[in-house]
């Protein structure tokens, strides 16, 4: 199933369709963070972890809503990631606590993000996403 999205990704790349490619790359990077273990998440964000999570969720939303993904299964999994994030209790989204990611409620978000990444072909796209975003920054 991930071949469908990967083919679309490379079609955007080949035809210089930058907007969907950028939204997809940022969405995939956000999913990669959301899938990471709490030990990584706790050390990675800036001064307001809950604010950063809101930004990550908006990147996943843009990926879902602004990009022709071409895979209903992947779209469903992206919706599941957002649903799991929206269902997090207050204790898992505190504005000044980097340890919020150790809350057990985050495990459902990690699982949903991992499934979405697998369906998107993240293992094949990861290095290309970093390369593309690096080129876009310059």
N, C-alpha and C. Protein backbone atom coordinates (compact mmCIF):
# COMPACT_ATOMS: atom_id res chain seq x y z
N UNK A 1 0.82 -1.20 0.00
CA UNK A 1 0.00 0.00 0.00
C UNK A 1 0.87 1.26 0.00
N UNK A 2 2.04 1.21 0.64
CA UNK A 2 2.86 2.41 0.70
C UNK A 2 3.41 2.80 -0.67
N UNK A 3 3.42 1.85 -1.62
CA UNK A 3 3.89 2.19 -2.96
C UNK A 3 3.03 3.29 -3.58
N UNK A 4 1.73 3.30 -3.29
CA UNK A 4 0.84 4.32 -3.85
C UNK A 4 1.30 5.71 -3.43
N UNK A 5 1.51 5.91 -2.15
CA UNK A 5 1.93 7.23 -1.69
C UNK A 5 3.33 7.55 -2.16
N UNK A 6 4.22 6.59 -2.12
CA UNK A 6 5.58 6.85 -2.58
C UNK A 6 5.60 7.26 -4.05
N UNK A 7 4.78 6.64 -4.89
CA UNK A 7 4.70 7.01 -6.29
C UNK A 7 4.21 8.45 -6.44
N UNK A 8 3.21 8.81 -5.67
CA UNK A 8 2.69 10.17 -5.70
C UNK A 8 3.77 11.16 -5.24
N UNK A 9 4.47 10.82 -4.17
CA UNK A 9 5.56 11.65 -3.65
C UNK A 9 6.58 11.94 -4.75
N UNK A 10 7.02 10.88 -5.44
CA UNK A 10 8.05 11.06 -6.47
C UNK A 10 7.50 11.76 -7.70
N UNK A 11 6.21 11.63 -7.95
CA UNK A 11 5.59 12.38 -9.04
C UNK A 11 5.64 13.87 -8.74
N UNK A 12 5.32 14.26 -7.51
CA UNK A 12 5.41 15.67 -7.11
C UNK A 12 6.84 16.17 -7.29
N UNK A 13 7.78 15.36 -6.86
CA UNK A 13 9.18 15.74 -6.95
C UNK A 13 9.58 15.96 -8.42
N UNK A 14 9.21 15.01 -9.27
CA UNK A 14 9.59 15.07 -10.68
C UNK A 14 8.93 16.21 -11.43
N UNK A 15 7.75 16.61 -10.98
CA UNK A 15 7.00 17.66 -11.68
C UNK A 15 7.08 19.00 -10.97
N UNK A 16 7.99 19.12 -10.01
CA UNK A 16 8.20 20.37 -9.27
C UNK A 16 6.94 20.90 -8.59
N UNK A 17 6.13 20.00 -8.07
CA UNK A 17 4.95 20.40 -7.30
C UNK A 17 5.39 20.58 -5.84
N UNK A 18 5.90 21.76 -5.55
CA UNK A 18 6.53 21.99 -4.25
C UNK A 18 5.54 22.05 -3.09
N UNK A 19 4.40 22.66 -3.26
CA UNK A 19 3.48 22.83 -2.13
C UNK A 19 3.05 21.48 -1.53
N UNK A 20 2.54 20.51 -2.33
CA UNK A 20 2.18 19.24 -1.70
C UNK A 20 3.39 18.51 -1.15
N UNK A 21 4.52 18.65 -1.82
CA UNK A 21 5.73 17.99 -1.35
C UNK A 21 6.17 18.54 0.00
N UNK A 22 6.15 19.86 0.14
CA UNK A 22 6.53 20.49 1.41
C UNK A 22 5.55 20.08 2.52
N UNK A 23 4.25 20.15 2.24
CA UNK A 23 3.25 19.76 3.26
C UNK A 23 3.42 18.29 3.65
N UNK A 24 3.67 17.43 2.66
CA UNK A 24 3.86 16.01 2.96
C UNK A 24 5.13 15.81 3.79
N UNK A 25 6.22 16.48 3.40
CA UNK A 25 7.48 16.33 4.14
C UNK A 25 7.33 16.78 5.59
N UNK A 26 6.71 17.93 5.79
CA UNK A 26 6.52 18.41 7.16
C UNK A 26 5.58 17.49 7.94
N UNK A 27 4.56 16.98 7.28
CA UNK A 27 3.66 16.04 7.94
C UNK A 27 4.37 14.75 8.34
N UNK A 28 5.19 14.24 7.45
CA UNK A 28 5.94 13.02 7.76
C UNK A 28 6.93 13.25 8.90
N UNK A 29 7.59 14.40 8.90
CA UNK A 29 8.52 14.71 9.99
C UNK A 29 7.77 14.83 11.33
N UNK A 30 6.58 15.42 11.29
CA UNK A 30 5.77 15.52 12.51
C UNK A 30 5.39 14.14 13.00
N UNK A 31 4.98 13.27 12.09
CA UNK A 31 4.64 11.89 12.48
C UNK A 31 5.85 11.18 13.06
N UNK A 32 7.01 11.43 12.48
CA UNK A 32 8.24 10.81 12.98
C UNK A 32 8.49 11.22 14.43
N UNK A 33 8.28 12.50 14.74
CA UNK A 33 8.43 12.94 16.12
C UNK A 33 7.38 12.28 17.01
N UNK A 34 6.12 12.28 16.56
CA UNK A 34 5.04 11.72 17.38
C UNK A 34 5.22 10.23 17.62
N UNK A 35 5.93 9.56 16.75
CA UNK A 35 6.18 8.13 16.89
C UNK A 35 7.39 7.85 17.78
N UNK A 36 8.22 8.83 18.02
CA UNK A 36 9.46 8.66 18.78
C UNK A 36 9.19 8.26 20.23
N UNK A 37 10.15 7.59 20.84
CA UNK A 37 10.02 7.26 22.26
C UNK A 37 10.02 8.53 23.12
N UNK A 38 9.43 8.44 24.28
CA UNK A 38 9.33 9.60 25.16
C UNK A 38 10.71 10.16 25.50
N UNK A 39 11.72 9.31 25.61
CA UNK A 39 13.07 9.79 25.94
C UNK A 39 13.59 10.75 24.87
N UNK A 40 13.23 10.53 23.63
CA UNK A 40 13.62 11.43 22.54
C UNK A 40 12.73 12.67 22.55
N UNK A 41 11.44 12.46 22.70
CA UNK A 41 10.50 13.58 22.68
C UNK A 41 10.80 14.58 23.79
N UNK A 42 11.11 14.10 24.97
CA UNK A 42 11.36 14.98 26.11
C UNK A 42 12.57 15.90 25.89
N UNK A 43 13.50 15.48 25.06
CA UNK A 43 14.74 16.24 24.85
C UNK A 43 14.72 17.09 23.60
N UNK A 44 13.71 16.96 22.76
CA UNK A 44 13.77 17.54 21.42
C UNK A 44 13.08 18.88 21.29
N UNK A 45 12.04 19.13 22.04
CA UNK A 45 11.22 20.32 21.83
C UNK A 45 11.78 21.56 22.50
N UNK A 46 11.19 22.70 22.15
CA UNK A 46 11.62 23.99 22.67
C UNK A 46 11.05 24.23 24.06
N UNK A 47 10.78 25.47 24.39
CA UNK A 47 10.40 25.84 25.75
C UNK A 47 8.96 25.47 26.11
N UNK A 48 8.10 25.22 25.14
CA UNK A 48 6.70 24.91 25.42
C UNK A 48 6.30 23.64 24.68
N UNK A 49 6.45 22.49 25.31
CA UNK A 49 6.17 21.24 24.61
C UNK A 49 4.74 21.14 24.09
N UNK A 50 3.76 21.60 24.85
CA UNK A 50 2.36 21.51 24.39
C UNK A 50 2.15 22.40 23.16
N UNK A 51 2.78 23.55 23.13
CA UNK A 51 2.68 24.43 21.95
C UNK A 51 3.30 23.75 20.74
N UNK A 52 4.45 23.11 20.94
CA UNK A 52 5.11 22.42 19.84
C UNK A 52 4.25 21.26 19.32
N UNK A 53 3.56 20.56 20.22
CA UNK A 53 2.67 19.48 19.81
C UNK A 53 1.53 20.03 18.97
N UNK A 54 1.01 21.19 19.35
CA UNK A 54 -0.04 21.83 18.53
C UNK A 54 0.48 22.10 17.13
N UNK A 55 1.72 22.57 17.02
CA UNK A 55 2.32 22.82 15.71
C UNK A 55 2.47 21.51 14.93
N UNK A 56 2.90 20.46 15.60
CA UNK A 56 3.05 19.16 14.94
C UNK A 56 1.70 18.66 14.43
N UNK A 57 0.67 18.82 15.24
CA UNK A 57 -0.67 18.40 14.82
C UNK A 57 -1.13 19.20 13.61
N UNK A 58 -0.82 20.49 13.57
CA UNK A 58 -1.23 21.29 12.42
C UNK A 58 -0.49 20.85 11.15
N UNK A 59 0.72 20.37 11.30
CA UNK A 59 1.47 19.86 10.14
C UNK A 59 0.83 18.57 9.62
N UNK A 60 0.40 17.71 10.55
CA UNK A 60 -0.29 16.48 10.14
C UNK A 60 -1.63 16.84 9.49
N UNK A 61 -2.33 17.82 10.05
CA UNK A 61 -3.60 18.25 9.46
C UNK A 61 -3.40 18.79 8.04
N UNK A 62 -2.37 19.59 7.83
CA UNK A 62 -2.09 20.11 6.48
C UNK A 62 -1.77 18.97 5.52
N UNK A 63 -1.03 18.01 6.00
CA UNK A 63 -0.71 16.82 5.19
C UNK A 63 -2.00 16.11 4.80
N UNK A 64 -2.88 15.93 5.74
CA UNK A 64 -4.14 15.23 5.50
C UNK A 64 -5.08 16.02 4.59
N UNK A 65 -5.23 17.30 4.85
CA UNK A 65 -6.26 18.08 4.17
C UNK A 65 -5.80 18.82 2.92
N UNK A 66 -4.51 19.11 2.80
CA UNK A 66 -4.03 19.91 1.67
C UNK A 66 -3.32 19.09 0.60
N UNK A 67 -3.14 17.81 0.83
CA UNK A 67 -2.35 16.98 -0.06
C UNK A 67 -3.23 15.85 -0.61
N UNK A 68 -3.13 15.60 -1.91
CA UNK A 68 -3.82 14.45 -2.52
C UNK A 68 -3.00 13.20 -2.20
N UNK A 69 -3.33 12.55 -1.12
CA UNK A 69 -2.52 11.45 -0.62
C UNK A 69 -2.64 10.21 -1.50
N UNK A 70 -3.82 9.95 -2.03
CA UNK A 70 -3.99 8.82 -2.93
C UNK A 70 -4.16 7.49 -2.26
N UNK A 71 -4.27 7.47 -0.95
CA UNK A 71 -4.44 6.22 -0.22
C UNK A 71 -5.48 6.42 0.88
N UNK A 72 -6.68 5.88 0.70
CA UNK A 72 -7.70 6.02 1.75
C UNK A 72 -7.26 5.42 3.09
N UNK A 73 -6.46 4.37 3.02
CA UNK A 73 -5.99 3.74 4.26
C UNK A 73 -5.04 4.69 5.00
N UNK A 74 -4.12 5.32 4.27
CA UNK A 74 -3.21 6.28 4.90
C UNK A 74 -3.99 7.47 5.43
N UNK A 75 -4.96 7.96 4.67
CA UNK A 75 -5.79 9.08 5.14
C UNK A 75 -6.49 8.71 6.45
N UNK A 76 -7.02 7.50 6.52
CA UNK A 76 -7.70 7.05 7.75
C UNK A 76 -6.72 7.01 8.92
N UNK A 77 -5.51 6.56 8.68
CA UNK A 77 -4.51 6.50 9.75
C UNK A 77 -4.08 7.89 10.20
N UNK A 78 -3.98 8.82 9.27
CA UNK A 78 -3.66 10.20 9.65
C UNK A 78 -4.77 10.79 10.52
N UNK A 79 -6.01 10.49 10.17
CA UNK A 79 -7.14 10.95 11.00
C UNK A 79 -7.06 10.31 12.39
N UNK A 80 -6.63 9.06 12.44
CA UNK A 80 -6.49 8.38 13.73
C UNK A 80 -5.42 9.06 14.58
N UNK A 81 -4.32 9.46 13.98
CA UNK A 81 -3.27 10.16 14.72
C UNK A 81 -3.84 11.43 15.33
N UNK A 82 -4.55 12.20 14.52
CA UNK A 82 -5.14 13.45 15.01
C UNK A 82 -6.17 13.18 16.10
N UNK A 83 -6.99 12.16 15.91
CA UNK A 83 -7.98 11.80 16.93
C UNK A 83 -7.31 11.41 18.25
N UNK A 84 -6.25 10.63 18.16
CA UNK A 84 -5.53 10.22 19.37
C UNK A 84 -4.91 11.43 20.06
N UNK A 85 -4.37 12.36 19.29
CA UNK A 85 -3.82 13.58 19.89
C UNK A 85 -4.91 14.40 20.56
N UNK A 86 -6.05 14.51 19.90
CA UNK A 86 -7.16 15.29 20.46
C UNK A 86 -7.77 14.65 21.70
N UNK A 87 -7.56 13.35 21.88
CA UNK A 87 -8.10 12.65 23.04
C UNK A 87 -7.13 12.61 24.22
N UNK A 88 -5.96 13.18 24.06
CA UNK A 88 -5.00 13.18 25.17
C UNK A 88 -5.57 13.95 26.36
N UNK A 89 -5.42 13.42 27.55
CA UNK A 89 -5.90 14.15 28.73
C UNK A 89 -5.01 15.34 29.04
N UNK A 90 -5.51 16.25 29.85
CA UNK A 90 -4.73 17.44 30.22
C UNK A 90 -3.37 17.09 30.80
N UNK A 91 -3.32 16.01 31.56
CA UNK A 91 -2.05 15.61 32.18
C UNK A 91 -0.98 15.27 31.15
N UNK A 92 -1.40 14.94 29.93
CA UNK A 92 -0.45 14.58 28.88
C UNK A 92 -0.11 15.77 27.98
N UNK A 93 -0.67 16.94 28.28
CA UNK A 93 -0.43 18.13 27.47
C UNK A 93 -0.21 19.35 28.36
N UNK A 94 0.79 19.29 29.19
CA UNK A 94 1.08 20.42 30.06
C UNK A 94 2.08 21.34 29.38
N UNK A 95 1.88 22.64 29.51
CA UNK A 95 2.63 23.62 28.74
C UNK A 95 4.09 23.77 29.13
N UNK A 96 4.47 23.41 30.33
CA UNK A 96 5.86 23.63 30.73
C UNK A 96 6.54 22.36 31.23
N UNK A 97 5.97 21.22 30.94
CA UNK A 97 6.49 19.96 31.46
C UNK A 97 6.99 19.07 30.32
N UNK A 98 8.30 18.99 30.17
CA UNK A 98 8.87 18.16 29.11
C UNK A 98 8.66 16.68 29.38
N UNK A 99 8.32 16.33 30.58
CA UNK A 99 8.07 14.93 30.91
C UNK A 99 6.64 14.50 30.57
N UNK A 100 5.87 15.41 29.97
CA UNK A 100 4.49 15.06 29.62
C UNK A 100 4.44 13.87 28.67
N UNK A 101 5.50 13.65 27.90
CA UNK A 101 5.52 12.56 26.94
C UNK A 101 5.65 11.19 27.61
N UNK A 102 5.94 11.17 28.91
CA UNK A 102 6.02 9.90 29.62
C UNK A 102 4.64 9.42 30.07
N UNK A 103 3.63 10.27 29.91
CA UNK A 103 2.26 9.87 30.25
C UNK A 103 1.86 8.70 29.36
N UNK A 104 1.30 7.64 29.94
CA UNK A 104 0.91 6.45 29.16
C UNK A 104 -0.07 6.75 28.01
N UNK A 105 -0.79 7.85 28.09
CA UNK A 105 -1.74 8.19 27.03
C UNK A 105 -1.04 8.43 25.69
N UNK A 106 0.24 8.77 25.73
CA UNK A 106 0.99 9.03 24.50
C UNK A 106 1.24 7.76 23.69
N UNK A 107 1.13 6.60 24.32
CA UNK A 107 1.41 5.34 23.60
C UNK A 107 0.46 5.13 22.43
N UNK A 108 -0.81 5.53 22.56
CA UNK A 108 -1.75 5.37 21.45
C UNK A 108 -1.40 6.31 20.30
N UNK A 109 -0.87 7.49 20.62
CA UNK A 109 -0.42 8.42 19.58
C UNK A 109 0.78 7.84 18.86
N UNK A 110 1.74 7.30 19.62
CA UNK A 110 2.93 6.70 19.02
C UNK A 110 2.56 5.55 18.09
N UNK A 111 1.64 4.71 18.53
CA UNK A 111 1.23 3.56 17.72
C UNK A 111 0.55 4.02 16.43
N UNK A 112 -0.33 4.99 16.52
CA UNK A 112 -1.03 5.49 15.33
C UNK A 112 -0.04 6.15 14.37
N UNK A 113 0.90 6.93 14.90
CA UNK A 113 1.90 7.59 14.06
C UNK A 113 2.80 6.55 13.39
N UNK A 114 3.18 5.51 14.11
CA UNK A 114 4.03 4.47 13.53
C UNK A 114 3.33 3.77 12.37
N UNK A 115 2.05 3.50 12.52
CA UNK A 115 1.29 2.86 11.45
C UNK A 115 1.20 3.77 10.23
N UNK A 116 0.92 5.05 10.46
CA UNK A 116 0.83 6.01 9.35
C UNK A 116 2.17 6.10 8.62
N UNK A 117 3.26 6.16 9.36
CA UNK A 117 4.58 6.24 8.73
C UNK A 117 4.87 5.00 7.90
N UNK A 118 4.51 3.85 8.42
CA UNK A 118 4.74 2.61 7.67
C UNK A 118 3.94 2.62 6.38
N UNK A 119 2.69 3.05 6.44
CA UNK A 119 1.85 3.10 5.24
C UNK A 119 2.35 4.12 4.22
N UNK A 120 3.00 5.18 4.70
CA UNK A 120 3.52 6.21 3.80
C UNK A 120 4.87 5.82 3.20
N UNK A 121 5.46 4.72 3.65
CA UNK A 121 6.76 4.32 3.14
C UNK A 121 7.91 5.12 3.72
N UNK A 122 7.76 5.52 4.98
CA UNK A 122 8.74 6.37 5.65
C UNK A 122 10.15 5.80 5.59
N UNK A 123 10.28 4.49 5.70
CA UNK A 123 11.64 3.91 5.69
C UNK A 123 12.34 4.19 4.36
N UNK A 124 11.58 4.30 3.27
CA UNK A 124 12.16 4.61 1.97
C UNK A 124 12.27 6.11 1.70
N UNK A 125 11.44 6.89 2.37
CA UNK A 125 11.39 8.33 2.10
C UNK A 125 12.18 9.18 3.07
N UNK A 126 12.48 8.64 4.24
CA UNK A 126 13.08 9.43 5.33
C UNK A 126 14.26 10.28 4.87
N UNK A 127 15.26 9.69 4.28
CA UNK A 127 16.45 10.45 3.87
C UNK A 127 16.14 11.46 2.78
N UNK A 128 15.21 11.13 1.92
CA UNK A 128 14.84 12.05 0.84
C UNK A 128 14.07 13.25 1.38
N UNK A 129 13.27 13.02 2.41
CA UNK A 129 12.51 14.12 3.03
C UNK A 129 13.48 15.12 3.65
N UNK A 130 14.43 14.62 4.40
CA UNK A 130 15.42 15.51 5.01
C UNK A 130 16.20 16.27 3.93
N UNK A 131 16.58 15.58 2.88
CA UNK A 131 17.32 16.21 1.79
C UNK A 131 16.47 17.28 1.11
N UNK A 132 15.22 16.97 0.82
CA UNK A 132 14.35 17.93 0.15
C UNK A 132 14.12 19.16 1.02
N UNK A 133 13.82 18.95 2.29
CA UNK A 133 13.59 20.10 3.17
C UNK A 133 14.87 20.91 3.34
N UNK A 134 16.01 20.27 3.35
CA UNK A 134 17.28 20.98 3.44
C UNK A 134 17.52 21.86 2.22
N UNK A 135 17.14 21.36 1.06
CA UNK A 135 17.28 22.13 -0.17
C UNK A 135 16.32 23.32 -0.17
N UNK A 136 15.14 23.13 0.38
CA UNK A 136 14.12 24.16 0.37
C UNK A 136 14.48 25.31 1.31
N UNK A 137 15.26 25.03 2.36
CA UNK A 137 15.63 26.06 3.33
C UNK A 137 16.64 27.02 2.72
N UNK A 138 17.51 26.55 1.90
CA UNK A 138 18.57 27.37 1.30
C UNK A 138 18.06 28.41 0.38
